[in-house]
């Protein structure tokens, strides 16, 4: 069996198993369900000769206990460009992620429609009162229409380790992972390593500010990797509702030049 296919099957099985485990755990363990709504705009040339502008509107349903978590994300997109940059599911942080692909079009057009469906599952490996380490699996189903430049049309599989460390009113967090990218016709993607590191600080009882750095290897031969900084401010509107606004700045040719967005998280 091909090693990549074998590892993809492991990620798929992990997510599917975790969904069933999390569902069963809800009967015995107090858990929390969240709905997270988002809106994001990014713009950049991503190392190409033309600019691509992306509106990304995700909706995530997430269920989590102290040990397990599972979520599903659907989205709606509007992409303006030549088709040499497409959305590739959700990013590490609050918004979208895009990759280059082969395209011979010289015409800029705007297409809108539903994006990829993303399934994520996490399991707590270790933790204390002030820290934790999780194992996370993610599947991006290539449901977005590739002919309308809304996605690659292929499935992607990711496995990563996440960590959090709290101290007083501050926290450090991050992830390190590996992604298996599906190859659409005419494009040969490389599998890539990626990672992030972030810092957040509580300003008062309801507000927190933070910064996060994300980086990923180049997925396409001859292109640049991705690296970007995100600055955010989070406001707890009430006990179960949080609003986050953020701006991002690309630090490499493979990232958007800039972007901004907002998320609304509602727990029950």
Protein backbone atom coordinates (compact mmCIF):
# COMPACT_ATOMS: atom_id res chain seq x y z
CA UNK A 1 0.00 0.00 0.00
CA UNK A 2 1.22 3.52 -0.80
CA UNK A 3 2.49 5.22 2.40
CA UNK A 4 0.63 8.48 1.74
CA UNK A 5 -2.65 6.63 1.15
CA UNK A 6 -2.10 4.62 4.32
CA UNK A 7 -1.50 7.75 6.41
CA UNK A 8 -4.54 9.44 4.84
CA UNK A 9 -6.65 6.46 5.90
CA UNK A 10 -5.31 6.82 9.45
CA UNK A 11 -6.34 10.49 9.57
CA UNK A 12 -9.78 9.63 8.15
CA UNK A 13 -10.28 6.83 10.65
CA UNK A 14 -9.11 9.05 13.52
CA UNK A 15 -11.64 11.77 12.67
CA UNK A 16 -14.48 9.30 12.13
CA UNK A 17 -13.71 7.42 15.36
CA UNK A 18 -13.40 10.63 17.35
CA UNK A 19 -16.80 11.79 16.13
CA UNK A 20 -18.41 8.64 17.48
CA UNK A 21 -16.38 8.76 20.71
CA UNK A 22 -17.29 12.40 21.30
CA UNK A 23 -20.95 11.68 20.67
CA UNK A 24 -20.89 8.80 23.15
CA UNK A 25 -19.01 10.91 25.69
CA UNK A 26 -21.70 13.57 25.62
CA UNK A 27 -24.06 11.22 27.39
CA UNK A 28 -21.67 10.81 30.32
CA UNK A 29 -19.60 14.01 30.31
CA UNK A 30 -20.61 17.64 30.37
CA UNK A 31 -19.64 19.10 27.04
CA UNK A 32 -20.14 22.33 25.16
CA UNK A 33 -21.56 22.95 21.71
CA UNK A 34 -20.50 26.04 19.77
CA UNK A 35 -21.58 27.66 16.56
CA UNK A 36 -18.85 29.88 15.07
CA UNK A 37 -19.69 32.31 12.27
CA UNK A 38 -17.01 34.17 10.34
CA UNK A 39 -16.41 36.71 7.60
CA UNK A 40 -12.99 37.41 6.08
CA UNK A 41 -11.50 39.37 3.18
CA UNK A 42 -7.98 38.74 1.90
CA UNK A 43 -6.09 40.19 -1.05
CA UNK A 44 -2.71 39.47 -2.64
CA UNK A 45 -0.84 38.11 -5.64
CA UNK A 46 0.40 34.97 -3.80
CA UNK A 47 3.58 35.08 -5.87
CA UNK A 48 1.72 35.20 -9.20
CA UNK A 49 1.53 38.00 -11.78
CA UNK A 50 -2.03 38.98 -10.84
CA UNK A 51 -4.06 39.80 -7.75
CA UNK A 52 -6.66 37.49 -6.17
CA UNK A 53 -9.31 38.82 -3.79
CA UNK A 54 -11.21 36.35 -1.60
CA UNK A 55 -14.33 36.73 0.54
CA UNK A 56 -14.68 33.76 2.91
CA UNK A 57 -17.78 33.10 5.07
CA UNK A 58 -17.34 29.95 7.23
CA UNK A 59 -19.80 28.39 9.67
CA UNK A 60 -18.48 25.82 12.16
CA UNK A 61 -20.42 23.50 14.45
CA UNK A 62 -18.13 22.28 17.24
CA UNK A 63 -18.68 19.96 20.18
CA UNK A 64 -16.02 19.53 22.86
CA UNK A 65 -15.45 17.93 26.23
CA UNK A 66 -12.34 18.20 28.37
CA UNK A 67 -10.80 15.29 26.45
CA UNK A 68 -12.26 15.20 22.93
CA UNK A 69 -13.51 17.67 20.35
CA UNK A 70 -15.07 17.37 16.91
CA UNK A 71 -16.20 19.98 14.41
CA UNK A 72 -17.53 20.38 10.90
CA UNK A 73 -17.11 23.56 8.84
CA UNK A 74 -19.02 24.66 5.75
CA UNK A 75 -18.42 27.92 3.92
CA UNK A 76 -19.49 30.26 1.17
CA UNK A 77 -16.89 31.95 -1.05
CA UNK A 78 -16.48 34.73 -3.54
CA UNK A 79 -13.17 34.66 -5.45
CA UNK A 80 -11.98 37.33 -7.87
CA UNK A 81 -8.92 36.31 -9.90
CA UNK A 82 -7.51 34.41 -12.87
CA UNK A 83 -7.85 30.98 -11.29
CA UNK A 84 -4.17 30.52 -10.41
CA UNK A 85 -4.98 30.89 -6.69
CA UNK A 86 -7.78 28.92 -5.02
CA UNK A 87 -9.04 28.47 -1.46
CA UNK A 88 -7.79 25.29 0.19
CA UNK A 89 -10.04 24.92 3.20
CA UNK A 90 -9.68 26.65 6.53
CA UNK A 91 -6.40 27.91 7.87
CA UNK A 92 -4.67 27.29 11.16
CA UNK A 93 -6.25 30.28 12.76
CA UNK A 94 -9.50 32.11 12.26
CA UNK A 95 -9.75 32.36 8.50
CA UNK A 96 -9.16 30.77 5.12
CA UNK A 97 -6.08 29.40 3.39
CA UNK A 98 -5.21 29.56 -0.29
CA UNK A 99 -2.80 27.72 -2.60
CA UNK A 100 -1.51 28.31 -6.10
CA UNK A 101 -2.43 26.03 -8.95
CA UNK A 102 -1.68 25.79 -12.66
CA UNK A 103 -3.79 28.08 -14.85
CA UNK A 104 -3.48 29.43 -18.39
CA UNK A 105 -6.25 32.02 -18.09
CA UNK A 106 -5.46 35.72 -18.56
CA UNK A 107 -9.00 36.81 -17.74
CA UNK A 108 -10.00 38.02 -14.30
CA UNK A 109 -13.42 36.84 -13.20
CA UNK A 110 -15.47 36.63 -10.03
CA UNK A 111 -17.09 33.35 -8.98
CA UNK A 112 -19.15 32.57 -5.90
CA UNK A 113 -20.41 29.37 -4.33
CA UNK A 114 -20.02 26.89 -1.51
CA UNK A 115 -16.52 26.02 -0.35
CA UNK A 116 -14.97 22.81 0.92
CA UNK A 117 -16.35 20.86 3.87
CA UNK A 118 -13.82 20.43 6.68
CA UNK A 119 -14.04 17.73 9.36
CA UNK A 120 -11.77 18.03 12.41
CA UNK A 121 -11.25 15.82 15.45
CA UNK A 122 -8.96 16.31 18.48
CA UNK A 123 -7.96 14.18 21.46
CA UNK A 124 -6.16 15.33 24.60
CA UNK A 125 -2.89 13.44 25.00
CA UNK A 126 -1.60 15.09 28.17
CA UNK A 127 -2.37 18.02 30.40
CA UNK A 128 -2.16 19.77 33.74
CA UNK A 129 -4.11 22.62 35.30
CA UNK A 130 -2.07 25.07 33.21
CA UNK A 131 -1.19 23.19 30.02
CA UNK A 132 -2.34 20.57 27.52
CA UNK A 133 -1.22 18.72 24.40
CA UNK A 134 -3.71 17.51 21.79
CA UNK A 135 -3.55 15.29 18.72
CA UNK A 136 -5.67 16.66 15.88
CA UNK A 137 -6.74 15.16 12.57
CA UNK A 138 -8.36 17.13 9.76
CA UNK A 139 -9.98 16.19 6.47
CA UNK A 140 -10.77 18.79 3.83
CA UNK A 141 -13.30 17.31 1.44
CA UNK A 142 -12.90 18.81 -2.03
CA UNK A 143 -16.54 19.79 -2.43
CA UNK A 144 -15.88 23.32 -3.78
CA UNK A 145 -16.29 23.72 -7.54
CA UNK A 146 -12.80 23.69 -9.06
CA UNK A 147 -14.09 24.88 -12.45
CA UNK A 148 -15.28 28.08 -10.74
CA UNK A 149 -11.87 28.57 -9.04
CA UNK A 150 -13.38 27.93 -5.59
CA UNK A 151 -11.12 25.02 -4.62
CA UNK A 152 -8.79 22.30 -5.84
CA UNK A 153 -11.58 19.72 -6.12
CA UNK A 154 -9.44 17.22 -4.20
CA UNK A 155 -9.38 15.98 -0.61
CA UNK A 156 -6.57 17.04 1.77
CA UNK A 157 -5.57 15.28 4.98
CA UNK A 158 -3.71 16.79 7.95
CA UNK A 159 -2.34 15.52 11.25
CA UNK A 160 -0.93 17.85 13.90
CA UNK A 161 0.03 18.30 17.54
CA UNK A 162 -1.41 21.29 19.42
CA UNK A 163 -0.21 22.74 22.70
CA UNK A 164 -1.35 25.40 25.17
CA UNK A 165 0.45 26.83 28.22
CA UNK A 166 -1.24 29.25 30.61
CA UNK A 167 0.38 31.60 33.13
CA UNK A 168 -1.69 34.12 35.08
CA UNK A 169 -3.56 36.22 32.50
CA UNK A 170 -1.48 35.14 29.49
CA UNK A 171 -1.12 32.05 27.34
CA UNK A 172 1.21 30.64 24.70
CA UNK A 173 -0.14 28.19 22.14
CA UNK A 174 0.85 26.59 18.86
CA UNK A 175 0.66 23.69 16.44
CA UNK A 176 2.96 21.59 14.27
CA UNK A 177 1.65 19.34 11.54
CA UNK A 178 1.92 17.65 8.17
CA UNK A 179 -0.55 17.93 5.30
CA UNK A 180 -1.21 15.52 2.44
CA UNK A 181 -2.50 17.50 -0.54
CA UNK A 182 -4.65 15.97 -3.26
CA UNK A 183 -3.51 16.65 -6.83
CA UNK A 184 -6.05 18.19 -9.22
CA UNK A 185 -5.57 17.56 -12.96
CA UNK A 186 -2.53 19.43 -14.26
CA UNK A 187 -1.14 20.27 -10.81
CA UNK A 188 1.39 18.29 -8.78
CA UNK A 189 1.27 19.37 -5.14
CA UNK A 190 3.89 18.51 -2.57
CA UNK A 191 2.94 17.35 0.89
CA UNK A 192 3.94 20.05 3.36
CA UNK A 193 4.94 20.71 6.95
CA UNK A 194 3.26 23.64 8.70
CA UNK A 195 3.14 25.23 12.12
CA UNK A 196 2.04 28.16 14.20
CA UNK A 197 2.87 29.95 17.45
CA UNK A 198 0.72 32.48 19.26
CA UNK A 199 0.47 34.59 22.38
CA UNK A 200 -2.65 36.00 24.05
CA UNK A 201 -3.07 38.30 27.05
CA UNK A 202 -6.22 39.21 28.98
CA UNK A 203 -6.71 42.97 29.08
CA UNK A 204 -9.54 42.77 31.62
CA UNK A 205 -12.35 40.42 32.61
CA UNK A 206 -13.92 40.36 29.14
CA UNK A 207 -11.26 41.41 26.61
CA UNK A 208 -8.07 39.79 25.36
CA UNK A 209 -5.53 40.66 22.67
CA UNK A 210 -3.12 38.39 20.86
CA UNK A 211 -0.73 37.77 18.02
CA UNK A 212 -0.14 34.58 16.02
CA UNK A 213 2.46 33.54 13.44
CA UNK A 214 1.76 30.85 10.83
CA UNK A 215 4.13 29.24 8.33
CA UNK A 216 3.85 26.48 5.73
CA UNK A 217 6.17 24.96 3.15
CA UNK A 218 5.56 25.70 -0.53
CA UNK A 219 3.03 23.26 -1.94
CA UNK A 220 3.91 23.89 -5.59
CA UNK A 221 7.38 23.58 -7.12
CA UNK A 222 8.84 26.99 -7.93
CA UNK A 223 6.48 28.85 -5.60
CA UNK A 224 7.05 30.45 -2.20
CA UNK A 225 6.02 29.08 1.14
CA UNK A 226 3.48 30.83 3.34
CA UNK A 227 4.13 32.96 6.42
CA UNK A 228 1.88 35.54 7.99
CA UNK A 229 1.15 37.42 11.20
CA UNK A 230 -2.33 37.82 12.64
CA UNK A 231 -3.27 40.41 15.29
CA UNK A 232 -6.60 39.99 17.06
CA UNK A 233 -8.82 41.42 19.77
CA UNK A 234 -11.41 39.22 21.49
CA UNK A 235 -14.41 40.54 23.42
CA UNK A 236 -16.62 38.37 25.62
CA UNK A 237 -20.09 39.80 24.99
CA UNK A 238 -21.66 37.59 27.64
CA UNK A 239 -21.00 34.28 29.38
CA UNK A 240 -21.52 32.24 26.20
CA UNK A 241 -20.85 34.66 23.35
CA UNK A 242 -17.51 35.93 22.07
CA UNK A 243 -16.64 38.33 19.25
CA UNK A 244 -13.16 38.41 17.68
CA UNK A 245 -11.80 40.87 15.14
CA UNK A 246 -8.46 40.39 13.42
CA UNK A 247 -6.09 41.72 10.77
CA UNK A 248 -3.35 39.74 9.04
CA UNK A 249 -0.19 40.66 7.19
CA UNK A 250 1.54 38.35 4.74
CA UNK A 251 5.29 38.02 5.19
CA UNK A 252 6.08 35.96 2.09
CA UNK A 253 5.11 35.87 -1.58
CA UNK A 254 3.00 32.76 -0.99
CA UNK A 255 0.67 34.54 1.45
CA UNK A 256 -1.95 37.25 0.92
CA UNK A 257 -0.63 40.79 1.17
CA UNK A 258 -3.18 41.59 3.86
CA UNK A 259 -6.57 40.62 5.22
CA UNK A 260 -9.12 41.29 7.90
CA UNK A 261 -11.97 39.37 9.44
CA UNK A 262 -14.38 38.80 12.31
CA UNK A 263 -15.75 35.71 14.06
CA UNK A 264 -18.72 35.28 16.37
CA UNK A 265 -18.75 32.25 18.68
CA UNK A 266 -21.98 31.23 20.40
CA UNK A 267 -21.97 28.43 23.00
CA UNK A 268 -24.90 26.53 24.45
